[in-house]
Amino acid sequence: LKVESARETLAAVNPGVRIEAHPVRLGPENAAALIGDYDLVADGSD
């Protein structure tokens, strides 16, 4: 999973940051709840 692969790399770069992995596709049914937990959203979607 890309989120787990990224988590492993980032933990090696800086173990002092918390990585929260969400292996889901954003859609109308889940996006609002997920976005609501963060201060800022960075869109790297395709």
All heavy atoms as atom14 arrays in JSON, in Angstrom:
{
  "sequence": "LKVESARETLAAVNPGVRIEAHPVRLGPENAAALIGDYDLVADGSD",
  "atom14_mask": [
    [1, 1, 1, 1, 1, 1, 1, 1, 0, 0, 0, 0, 0, 0],
    [1, 1, 1, 1, 1, 1, 1, 1, 1, 0, 0, 0, 0, 0],
    [1, 1, 1, 1, 1, 1, 1, 0, 0, 0, 0, 0, 0, 0],
    [1, 1, 1, 1, 1, 1, 1, 1, 1, 0, 0, 0, 0, 0],
    [1, 1, 1, 1, 1, 1, 0, 0, 0, 0, 0, 0, 0, 0],
    [1, 1, 1, 1, 1, 0, 0, 0, 0, 0, 0, 0, 0, 0],
    [1, 1, 1, 1, 1, 1, 1, 1, 1, 1, 1, 0, 0, 0],
    [1, 1, 1, 1, 1, 1, 1, 1, 1, 0, 0, 0, 0, 0],
    [1, 1, 1, 1, 1, 1, 1, 0, 0, 0, 0, 0, 0, 0],
    [1, 1, 1, 1, 1, 1, 1, 1, 0, 0, 0, 0, 0, 0],
    [1, 1, 1, 1, 1, 0, 0, 0, 0, 0, 0, 0, 0, 0],
    [1, 1, 1, 1, 1, 0, 0, 0, 0, 0, 0, 0, 0, 0],
    [1, 1, 1, 1, 1, 1, 1, 0, 0, 0, 0, 0, 0, 0],
    [1, 1, 1, 1, 1, 1, 1, 1, 0, 0, 0, 0, 0, 0],
    [1, 1, 1, 1, 1, 1, 1, 0, 0, 0, 0, 0, 0, 0],
    [1, 1, 1, 1, 0, 0, 0, 0, 0, 0, 0, 0, 0, 0],
    [1, 1, 1, 1, 1, 1, 1, 0, 0, 0, 0, 0, 0, 0],
    [1, 1, 1, 1, 1, 1, 1, 1, 1, 1, 1, 0, 0, 0],
    [1, 1, 1, 1, 1, 1, 1, 1, 0, 0, 0, 0, 0, 0],
    [1, 1, 1, 1, 1, 1, 1, 1, 1, 0, 0, 0, 0, 0],
    [1, 1, 1, 1, 1, 0, 0, 0, 0, 0, 0, 0, 0, 0],
    [1, 1, 1, 1, 1, 1, 1, 1, 1, 1, 0, 0, 0, 0],
    [1, 1, 1, 1, 1, 1, 1, 0, 0, 0, 0, 0, 0, 0],
    [1, 1, 1, 1, 1, 1, 1, 0, 0, 0, 0, 0, 0, 0],
    [1, 1, 1, 1, 1, 1, 1, 1, 1, 1, 1, 0, 0, 0],
    [1, 1, 1, 1, 1, 1, 1, 1, 0, 0, 0, 0, 0, 0],
    [1, 1, 1, 1, 0, 0, 0, 0, 0, 0, 0, 0, 0, 0],
    [1, 1, 1, 1, 1, 1, 1, 0, 0, 0, 0, 0, 0, 0],
    [1, 1, 1, 1, 1, 1, 1, 1, 1, 0, 0, 0, 0, 0],
    [1, 1, 1, 1, 1, 1, 1, 1, 0, 0, 0, 0, 0, 0],
    [1, 1, 1, 1, 1, 0, 0, 0, 0, 0, 0, 0, 0, 0],
    [1, 1, 1, 1, 1, 0, 0, 0, 0, 0, 0, 0, 0, 0],
    [1, 1, 1, 1, 1, 0, 0, 0, 0, 0, 0, 0, 0, 0],
    [1, 1, 1, 1, 1, 1, 1, 1, 0, 0, 0, 0, 0, 0],
    [1, 1, 1, 1, 1, 1, 1, 1, 0, 0, 0, 0, 0, 0],
    [1, 1, 1, 1, 0, 0, 0, 0, 0, 0, 0, 0, 0, 0],
    [1, 1, 1, 1, 1, 1, 1, 1, 0, 0, 0, 0, 0, 0],
    [1, 1, 1, 1, 1, 1, 1, 1, 1, 1, 1, 1, 0, 0],
    [1, 1, 1, 1, 1, 1, 1, 1, 0, 0, 0, 0, 0, 0],
    [1, 1, 1, 1, 1, 1, 1, 1, 0, 0, 0, 0, 0, 0],
    [1, 1, 1, 1, 1, 1, 1, 0, 0, 0, 0, 0, 0, 0],
    [1, 1, 1, 1, 1, 0, 0, 0, 0, 0, 0, 0, 0, 0],
    [1, 1, 1, 1, 1, 1, 1, 1, 0, 0, 0, 0, 0, 0],
    [1, 1, 1, 1, 0, 0, 0, 0, 0, 0, 0, 0, 0, 0],
    [1, 1, 1, 1, 1, 1, 0, 0, 0, 0, 0, 0, 0, 0],
    [1, 1, 1, 1, 1, 1, 1, 1, 0, 0, 0, 0, 0, 0]
  ],
  "atom14_positions": [
    [[0.84, -1.19, 0.0], [0.0, 0.0, 0.0], [0.88, 1.24, 0.0], [1.86, 1.32, 0.76], [-0.9, 0.02, 1.23], [-2.1, -0.94, 1.23], [-2.71, -1.04, 2.62], [-3.16, -0.48, 0.23], [0.0, 0.0, 0.0], [0.0, 0.0, 0.0], [0.0, 0.0, 0.0], [0.0, 0.0, 0.0], [0.0, 0.0, 0.0], [0.0, 0.0, 0.0]],
    [[0.52, 2.22, -0.8], [1.34, 3.43, -0.89], [1.4, 4.17, 0.45], [2.45, 4.72, 0.8], [0.81, 4.36, -1.98], [1.12, 3.9, -3.4], [0.7, 4.94, -4.41], [1.11, 4.51, -5.82], [0.71, 5.52, -6.83], [0.0, 0.0, 0.0], [0.0, 0.0, 0.0], [0.0, 0.0, 0.0], [0.0, 0.0, 0.0], [0.0, 0.0, 0.0]],
    [[0.3, 4.18, 1.18], [0.32, 4.91, 2.45], [1.28, 4.26, 3.45], [1.94, 4.94, 4.24], [-1.1, 5.04, 3.05], [-1.96, 5.95, 2.2], [-1.75, 3.68, 3.24], [0.0, 0.0, 0.0], [0.0, 0.0, 0.0], [0.0, 0.0, 0.0], [0.0, 0.0, 0.0], [0.0, 0.0, 0.0], [0.0, 0.0, 0.0], [0.0, 0.0, 0.0]],
    [[1.38, 2.92, 3.41], [2.28, 2.23, 4.32], [3.73, 2.37, 3.86], [4.64, 2.5, 4.69], [1.89, 0.75, 4.44], [0.53, 0.54, 5.09], [0.46, 1.07, 6.51], [1.51, 1.24, 7.16], [-0.67, 1.34, 6.98], [0.0, 0.0, 0.0], [0.0, 0.0, 0.0], [0.0, 0.0, 0.0], [0.0, 0.0, 0.0], [0.0, 0.0, 0.0]],
    [[3.94, 2.33, 2.55], [5.28, 2.55, 2.01], [5.77, 3.95, 2.37], [6.92, 4.13, 2.81], [5.27, 2.38, 0.49], [6.5, 2.78, -0.08], [0.0, 0.0, 0.0], [0.0, 0.0, 0.0], [0.0, 0.0, 0.0], [0.0, 0.0, 0.0], [0.0, 0.0, 0.0], [0.0, 0.0, 0.0], [0.0, 0.0, 0.0], [0.0, 0.0, 0.0]],
    [[4.9, 4.94, 2.2], [5.26, 6.32, 2.54], [5.52, 6.47, 4.02], [6.47, 7.15, 4.44], [4.16, 7.28, 2.09], [0.0, 0.0, 0.0], [0.0, 0.0, 0.0], [0.0, 0.0, 0.0], [0.0, 0.0, 0.0], [0.0, 0.0, 0.0], [0.0, 0.0, 0.0], [0.0, 0.0, 0.0], [0.0, 0.0, 0.0], [0.0, 0.0, 0.0]],
    [[4.71, 5.83, 4.84], [4.88, 5.9, 6.29], [6.28, 5.39, 6.69], [6.96, 5.99, 7.51], [3.83, 5.06, 7.0], [3.83, 5.26, 8.53], [3.4, 4.0, 9.26], [2.05, 3.6, 8.98], [0.97, 3.94, 9.73], [1.14, 4.71, 10.77], [-0.22, 3.49, 9.41], [0.0, 0.0, 0.0], [0.0, 0.0, 0.0], [0.0, 0.0, 0.0]],
    [[6.7, 4.28, 6.08], [8.01, 3.7, 6.4], [9.14, 4.65, 6.03], [10.09, 4.84, 6.79], [8.18, 2.36, 5.68], [9.43, 1.61, 6.06], [9.48, 0.22, 5.46], [8.43, -0.3, 5.04], [10.59, -0.35, 5.41], [0.0, 0.0, 0.0], [0.0, 0.0, 0.0], [0.0, 0.0, 0.0], [0.0, 0.0, 0.0], [0.0, 0.0, 0.0]],
    [[9.03, 5.28, 4.85], [10.07, 6.22, 4.42], [10.12, 7.44, 5.33], [11.19, 7.88, 5.75], [9.81, 6.66, 2.97], [9.86, 5.52, 2.11], [10.85, 7.68, 2.52], [0.0, 0.0, 0.0], [0.0, 0.0, 0.0], [0.0, 0.0, 0.0], [0.0, 0.0, 0.0], [0.0, 0.0, 0.0], [0.0, 0.0, 0.0], [0.0, 0.0, 0.0]],
    [[8.97, 8.0, 5.64], [8.92, 9.21, 6.45], [9.4, 8.95, 7.87], [10.03, 9.82, 8.48], [7.51, 9.8, 6.46], [6.93, 10.19, 5.1], [5.57, 10.84, 5.26], [7.87, 11.1, 4.33], [0.0, 0.0, 0.0], [0.0, 0.0, 0.0], [0.0, 0.0, 0.0], [0.0, 0.0, 0.0], [0.0, 0.0, 0.0], [0.0, 0.0, 0.0]],
    [[9.12, 7.77, 8.4], [9.6, 7.43, 9.74], [11.12, 7.38, 9.77], [11.74, 7.72, 10.77], [9.01, 6.09, 10.17], [0.0, 0.0, 0.0], [0.0, 0.0, 0.0], [0.0, 0.0, 0.0], [0.0, 0.0, 0.0], [0.0, 0.0, 0.0], [0.0, 0.0, 0.0], [0.0, 0.0, 0.0], [0.0, 0.0, 0.0], [0.0, 0.0, 0.0]],
    [[11.72, 6.96, 8.64], [13.18, 6.93, 8.57], [13.75, 8.34, 8.44], [14.83, 8.64, 8.96], [13.63, 6.07, 7.39], [0.0, 0.0, 0.0], [0.0, 0.0, 0.0], [0.0, 0.0, 0.0], [0.0, 0.0, 0.0], [0.0, 0.0, 0.0], [0.0, 0.0, 0.0], [0.0, 0.0, 0.0], [0.0, 0.0, 0.0], [0.0, 0.0, 0.0]],
    [[13.02, 9.23, 7.76], [13.46, 10.61, 7.6], [13.36, 11.37, 8.92], [14.29, 12.08, 9.32], [12.62, 11.33, 6.51], [12.9, 12.83, 6.51], [12.92, 10.74, 5.14], [0.0, 0.0, 0.0], [0.0, 0.0, 0.0], [0.0, 0.0, 0.0], [0.0, 0.0, 0.0], [0.0, 0.0, 0.0], [0.0, 0.0, 0.0], [0.0, 0.0, 0.0]],
    [[12.22, 11.22, 9.59], [12.0, 11.95, 10.85], [11.06, 11.15, 11.76], [9.84, 11.24, 11.63], [11.4, 13.33, 10.56], [11.35, 14.21, 11.8], [11.58, 13.75, 12.91], [11.04, 15.48, 11.61], [0.0, 0.0, 0.0], [0.0, 0.0, 0.0], [0.0, 0.0, 0.0], [0.0, 0.0, 0.0], [0.0, 0.0, 0.0], [0.0, 0.0, 0.0]],
    [[11.63, 10.37, 12.67], [10.78, 9.58, 13.58], [9.99, 10.41, 14.56], [9.12, 9.88, 15.27], [11.8, 8.69, 14.31], [13.09, 9.45, 14.24], [13.06, 10.17, 12.92], [0.0, 0.0, 0.0], [0.0, 0.0, 0.0], [0.0, 0.0, 0.0], [0.0, 0.0, 0.0], [0.0, 0.0, 0.0], [0.0, 0.0, 0.0], [0.0, 0.0, 0.0]],
    [[10.23, 11.72, 14.6], [9.54, 12.58, 15.54], [8.21, 13.11, 15.06], [7.52, 13.82, 15.79], [0.0, 0.0, 0.0], [0.0, 0.0, 0.0], [0.0, 0.0, 0.0], [0.0, 0.0, 0.0], [0.0, 0.0, 0.0], [0.0, 0.0, 0.0], [0.0, 0.0, 0.0], [0.0, 0.0, 0.0], [0.0, 0.0, 0.0], [0.0, 0.0, 0.0]],
    [[7.81, 12.78, 13.83], [6.51, 13.21, 13.34], [5.55, 12.02, 13.32], [5.97, 10.88, 13.18], [6.6, 13.84, 11.93], [7.53, 15.04, 11.94], [7.05, 12.83, 10.89], [0.0, 0.0, 0.0], [0.0, 0.0, 0.0], [0.0, 0.0, 0.0], [0.0, 0.0, 0.0], [0.0, 0.0, 0.0], [0.0, 0.0, 0.0], [0.0, 0.0, 0.0]],
    [[4.28, 12.31, 13.48], [3.25, 11.27, 13.5], [2.67, 11.14, 12.09], [2.26, 12.14, 11.49], [2.16, 11.63, 14.5], [0.96, 10.68, 14.51], [-0.09, 11.16, 15.52], [-1.31, 10.37, 15.44], [-1.5, 9.23, 16.08], [-0.54, 8.75, 16.86], [-2.64, 8.58, 15.96], [0.0, 0.0, 0.0], [0.0, 0.0, 0.0], [0.0, 0.0, 0.0]],
    [[2.63, 9.91, 11.58], [2.07, 9.65, 10.25], [0.76, 8.89, 10.41], [0.73, 7.82, 11.02], [3.05, 8.84, 9.38], [4.42, 9.52, 9.32], [2.47, 8.66, 7.98], [4.41, 10.91, 8.75], [0.0, 0.0, 0.0], [0.0, 0.0, 0.0], [0.0, 0.0, 0.0], [0.0, 0.0, 0.0], [0.0, 0.0, 0.0], [0.0, 0.0, 0.0]],
    [[-0.31, 9.44, 9.87], [-1.62, 8.79, 9.91], [-1.96, 8.3, 8.5], [-2.14, 9.11, 7.6], [-2.67, 9.76, 10.44], [-2.39, 10.22, 11.87], [-3.39, 11.21, 12.41], [-4.13, 11.82, 11.59], [-3.44, 11.4, 13.64], [0.0, 0.0, 0.0], [0.0, 0.0, 0.0], [0.0, 0.0, 0.0], [0.0, 0.0, 0.0], [0.0, 0.0, 0.0]],
    [[-2.02, 6.99, 8.34], [-2.24, 6.39, 7.02], [-3.72, 6.09, 6.81], [-4.36, 5.44, 7.66], [-1.41, 5.11, 6.89], [0.0, 0.0, 0.0], [0.0, 0.0, 0.0], [0.0, 0.0, 0.0], [0.0, 0.0, 0.0], [0.0, 0.0, 0.0], [0.0, 0.0, 0.0], [0.0, 0.0, 0.0], [0.0, 0.0, 0.0], [0.0, 0.0, 0.0]],
    [[-4.26, 6.57, 5.69], [-5.66, 6.33, 5.34], [-5.7, 5.68, 3.96], [-5.69, 6.38, 2.94], [-6.44, 7.64, 5.32], [-6.31, 8.46, 6.57], [-6.97, 8.14, 7.74], [-5.57, 9.58, 6.84], [-6.67, 9.03, 8.67], [-5.83, 9.9, 8.16], [0.0, 0.0, 0.0], [0.0, 0.0, 0.0], [0.0, 0.0, 0.0], [0.0, 0.0, 0.0]],
    [[-5.72, 4.34, 3.88], [-5.7, 3.66, 2.57], [-7.07, 3.63, 1.92], [-7.63, 2.58, 1.63], [-5.2, 2.26, 2.94], [-5.71, 2.04, 4.32], [-5.66, 3.38, 5.0], [0.0, 0.0, 0.0], [0.0, 0.0, 0.0], [0.0, 0.0, 0.0], [0.0, 0.0, 0.0], [0.0, 0.0, 0.0], [0.0, 0.0, 0.0], [0.0, 0.0, 0.0]],
    [[-7.65, 4.8, 1.71], [-9.0, 4.9, 1.16], [-9.01, 5.91, 0.02], [-8.17, 6.8, -0.06], [-10.02, 5.34, 2.24], [-10.09, 4.31, 3.35], [-9.65, 6.71, 2.81], [0.0, 0.0, 0.0], [0.0, 0.0, 0.0], [0.0, 0.0, 0.0], [0.0, 0.0, 0.0], [0.0, 0.0, 0.0], [0.0, 0.0, 0.0], [0.0, 0.0, 0.0]],
    [[-9.98, 5.75, -0.85], [-10.21, 6.74, -1.91], [-11.22, 7.75, -1.39], [-12.3, 7.38, -0.92], [-10.74, 6.06, -3.18], [-10.88, 7.02, -4.37], [-11.31, 6.27, -5.61], [-10.39, 5.2, -5.95], [-9.22, 5.38, -6.57], [-8.85, 6.61, -6.93], [-8.43, 4.36, -6.85], [0.0, 0.0, 0.0], [0.0, 0.0, 0.0], [0.0, 0.0, 0.0]],
    [[-10.87, 9.02, -1.46], [-11.78, 10.06, -0.99], [-13.04, 10.1, -1.85], [-12.98, 10.05, -3.07], [-11.1, 11.42, -1.01], [-10.07, 11.72, 0.08], [-9.6, 13.15, -0.04], [-10.63, 11.46, 1.47], [0.0, 0.0, 0.0], [0.0, 0.0, 0.0], [0.0, 0.0, 0.0], [0.0, 0.0, 0.0], [0.0, 0.0, 0.0], [0.0, 0.0, 0.0]],
    [[-14.17, 10.22, -1.19], [-15.43, 10.34, -1.89], [-16.4, 11.14, -1.03], [-16.1, 11.5, 0.11], [0.0, 0.0, 0.0], [0.0, 0.0, 0.0], [0.0, 0.0, 0.0], [0.0, 0.0, 0.0], [0.0, 0.0, 0.0], [0.0, 0.0, 0.0], [0.0, 0.0, 0.0], [0.0, 0.0, 0.0], [0.0, 0.0, 0.0], [0.0, 0.0, 0.0]],
    [[-17.58, 11.44, -1.56], [-18.55, 12.23, -0.8], [-18.93, 11.6, 0.54], [-19.33, 12.3, 1.46], [-19.77, 12.29, -1.74], [-19.2, 12.04, -3.11], [-18.05, 11.11, -2.91], [0.0, 0.0, 0.0], [0.0, 0.0, 0.0], [0.0, 0.0, 0.0], [0.0, 0.0, 0.0], [0.0, 0.0, 0.0], [0.0, 0.0, 0.0], [0.0, 0.0, 0.0]],
    [[-18.77, 10.27, 0.65], [-19.19, 9.58, 1.86], [-18.17, 9.65, 2.99], [-18.5, 9.4, 4.16], [-19.49, 8.1, 1.54], [-18.27, 7.23, 1.26], [-17.64, 7.48, -0.1], [-18.21, 8.23, -0.9], [-16.56, 6.9, -0.37], [0.0, 0.0, 0.0], [0.0, 0.0, 0.0], [0.0, 0.0, 0.0], [0.0, 0.0, 0.0], [0.0, 0.0, 0.0]],
    [[-16.9, 10.0, 2.7], [-15.89, 9.97, 3.76], [-15.0, 11.21, 3.83], [-14.28, 11.4, 4.82], [-14.99, 8.73, 3.61], [-14.22, 8.71, 2.3], [-14.19, 9.69, 1.55], [-13.57, 7.59, 2.02], [0.0, 0.0, 0.0], [0.0, 0.0, 0.0], [0.0, 0.0, 0.0], [0.0, 0.0, 0.0], [0.0, 0.0, 0.0], [0.0, 0.0, 0.0]],
    [[-15.01, 12.04, 2.8], [-14.03, 13.13, 2.71], [-14.22, 14.18, 3.81], [-13.24, 14.64, 4.41], [-14.11, 13.79, 1.34], [0.0, 0.0, 0.0], [0.0, 0.0, 0.0], [0.0, 0.0, 0.0], [0.0, 0.0, 0.0], [0.0, 0.0, 0.0], [0.0, 0.0, 0.0], [0.0, 0.0, 0.0], [0.0, 0.0, 0.0], [0.0, 0.0, 0.0]],
    [[-15.44, 14.56, 4.1], [-15.66, 15.63, 5.07], [-15.15, 15.24, 6.46], [-14.51, 16.03, 7.14], [-17.15, 15.99, 5.13], [0.0, 0.0, 0.0], [0.0, 0.0, 0.0], [0.0, 0.0, 0.0], [0.0, 0.0, 0.0], [0.0, 0.0, 0.0], [0.0, 0.0, 0.0], [0.0, 0.0, 0.0], [0.0, 0.0, 0.0], [0.0, 0.0, 0.0]],
    [[-15.43, 14.0, 6.88], [-14.99, 13.56, 8.2], [-13.47, 13.51, 8.27], [-12.87, 13.86, 9.29], [-15.58, 12.18, 8.5], [0.0, 0.0, 0.0], [0.0, 0.0, 0.0], [0.0, 0.0, 0.0], [0.0, 0.0, 0.0], [0.0, 0.0, 0.0], [0.0, 0.0, 0.0], [0.0, 0.0, 0.0], [0.0, 0.0, 0.0], [0.0, 0.0, 0.0]],
    [[-12.84, 13.08, 7.18], [-11.38, 12.99, 7.17], [-10.73, 14.36, 7.16], [-9.82, 14.65, 7.95], [-10.93, 12.19, 5.94], [-9.47, 11.75, 5.89], [-9.1, 10.93, 7.11], [-9.21, 10.93, 4.63], [0.0, 0.0, 0.0], [0.0, 0.0, 0.0], [0.0, 0.0, 0.0], [0.0, 0.0, 0.0], [0.0, 0.0, 0.0], [0.0, 0.0, 0.0]],
    [[-11.21, 15.24, 6.31], [-10.66, 16.59, 6.21], [-10.82, 17.36, 7.53], [-9.95, 18.13, 7.93], [-11.34, 17.36, 5.06], [-10.93, 16.76, 3.71], [-11.01, 18.85, 5.11], [-11.72, 17.3, 2.54], [0.0, 0.0, 0.0], [0.0, 0.0, 0.0], [0.0, 0.0, 0.0], [0.0, 0.0, 0.0], [0.0, 0.0, 0.0], [0.0, 0.0, 0.0]],
    [[-11.94, 17.12, 8.22], [-12.23, 17.86, 9.44], [-11.2, 17.68, 10.53], [-11.11, 18.51, 11.44], [0.0, 0.0, 0.0], [0.0, 0.0, 0.0], [0.0, 0.0, 0.0], [0.0, 0.0, 0.0], [0.0, 0.0, 0.0], [0.0, 0.0, 0.0], [0.0, 0.0, 0.0], [0.0, 0.0, 0.0], [0.0, 0.0, 0.0], [0.0, 0.0, 0.0]],
    [[-10.37, 16.63, 10.47], [-9.38, 16.36, 11.5], [-8.06, 17.11, 11.28], [-7.15, 16.99, 12.09], [-9.08, 14.87, 11.56], [-10.22, 14.08, 12.19], [-10.99, 14.69, 12.96], [-10.33, 12.87, 11.92], [0.0, 0.0, 0.0], [0.0, 0.0, 0.0], [0.0, 0.0, 0.0], [0.0, 0.0, 0.0], [0.0, 0.0, 0.0], [0.0, 0.0, 0.0]],
    [[-7.95, 17.87, 10.18], [-6.66, 18.48, 9.83], [-6.79, 20.0, 9.71], [-7.87, 20.54, 9.48], [-6.13, 17.87, 8.53], [-5.77, 16.41, 8.71], [-6.72, 15.42, 8.48], [-4.51, 16.03, 9.15], [-6.41, 14.08, 8.67], [-4.2, 14.69, 9.34], [-5.14, 13.73, 9.11], [-4.84, 12.4, 9.31], [0.0, 0.0, 0.0], [0.0, 0.0, 0.0]],
    [[-5.64, 20.67, 9.84], [-5.6, 22.13, 9.74], [-5.55, 22.61, 8.3], [-6.02, 23.71, 7.99], [-4.36, 22.68, 10.46], [-4.3, 22.25, 11.92], [-5.35, 22.29, 12.58], [-3.2, 21.88, 12.38], [0.0, 0.0, 0.0], [0.0, 0.0, 0.0], [0.0, 0.0, 0.0], [0.0, 0.0, 0.0], [0.0, 0.0, 0.0], [0.0, 0.0, 0.0]],
    [[-4.96, 21.81, 7.43], [-4.72, 22.21, 6.04], [-4.71, 20.95, 5.18], [-4.26, 19.89, 5.63], [-3.39, 22.95, 5.93], [-2.94, 23.48, 4.57], [-2.11, 24.76, 4.73], [-2.1, 22.44, 3.8], [0.0, 0.0, 0.0], [0.0, 0.0, 0.0], [0.0, 0.0, 0.0], [0.0, 0.0, 0.0], [0.0, 0.0, 0.0], [0.0, 0.0, 0.0]],
    [[-5.17, 21.08, 3.94], [-5.2, 19.96, 3.0], [-4.3, 20.3, 1.81], [-4.36, 21.41, 1.27], [-6.63, 19.68, 2.51], [-6.63, 18.53, 1.5], [-7.55, 19.37, 3.68], [0.0, 0.0, 0.0], [0.0, 0.0, 0.0], [0.0, 0.0, 0.0], [0.0, 0.0, 0.0], [0.0, 0.0, 0.0], [0.0, 0.0, 0.0], [0.0, 0.0, 0.0]],
    [[-3.45, 19.35, 1.42], [-2.59, 19.5, 0.25], [-3.03, 18.46, -0.78], [-2.97, 17.25, -0.52], [-1.13, 19.31, 0.61], [0.0, 0.0, 0.0], [0.0, 0.0, 0.0], [0.0, 0.0, 0.0], [0.0, 0.0, 0.0], [0.0, 0.0, 0.0], [0.0, 0.0, 0.0], [0.0, 0.0, 0.0], [0.0, 0.0, 0.0], [0.0, 0.0, 0.0]],
    [[-3.47, 18.93, -1.92], [-4.02, 18.03, -2.95], [-2.93, 17.57, -3.92], [-2.45, 18.35, -4.74], [-5.14, 18.76, -3.71], [-5.77, 17.88, -4.78], [-5.5, 16.67, -4.8], [-6.54, 18.42, -5.61], [0.0, 0.0, 0.0], [0.0, 0.0, 0.0], [0.0, 0.0, 0.0], [0.0, 0.0, 0.0], [0.0, 0.0, 0.0], [0.0, 0.0, 0.0]],
    [[-2.57, 16.31, -3.81], [-1.64, 15.7, -4.77], [-2.32, 14.63, -5.58], [-1.68, 13.68, -6.04], [0.0, 0.0, 0.0], [0.0, 0.0, 0.0], [0.0, 0.0, 0.0], [0.0, 0.0, 0.0], [0.0, 0.0, 0.0], [0.0, 0.0, 0.0], [0.0, 0.0, 0.0], [0.0, 0.0, 0.0], [0.0, 0.0, 0.0], [0.0, 0.0, 0.0]],
    [[-3.64, 14.77, -5.75], [-4.42, 13.75, -6.46], [-4.18, 13.81, -7.96], [-3.59, 14.77, -8.48], [-5.91, 13.92, -6.17], [-6.39, 15.15, -6.7], [0.0, 0.0, 0.0], [0.0, 0.0, 0.0], [0.0, 0.0, 0.0], [0.0, 0.0, 0.0], [0.0, 0.0, 0.0], [0.0, 0.0, 0.0], [0.0, 0.0, 0.0], [0.0, 0.0, 0.0]],
    [[-4.66, 12.79, -8.66], [-4.43, 12.7, -10.1], [-5.73, 12.6, -10.89], [-5.74, 12.12, -12.01], [-3.53, 11.5, -10.43], [-4.17, 10.17, -10.04], [-5.27, 10.19, -9.44], [-3.57, 9.12, -10.32], [0.0, 0.0, 0.0], [0.0, 0.0, 0.0], [0.0, 0.0, 0.0], [0.0, 0.0, 0.0], [0.0, 0.0, 0.0], [0.0, 0.0, 0.0]]
  ]
}
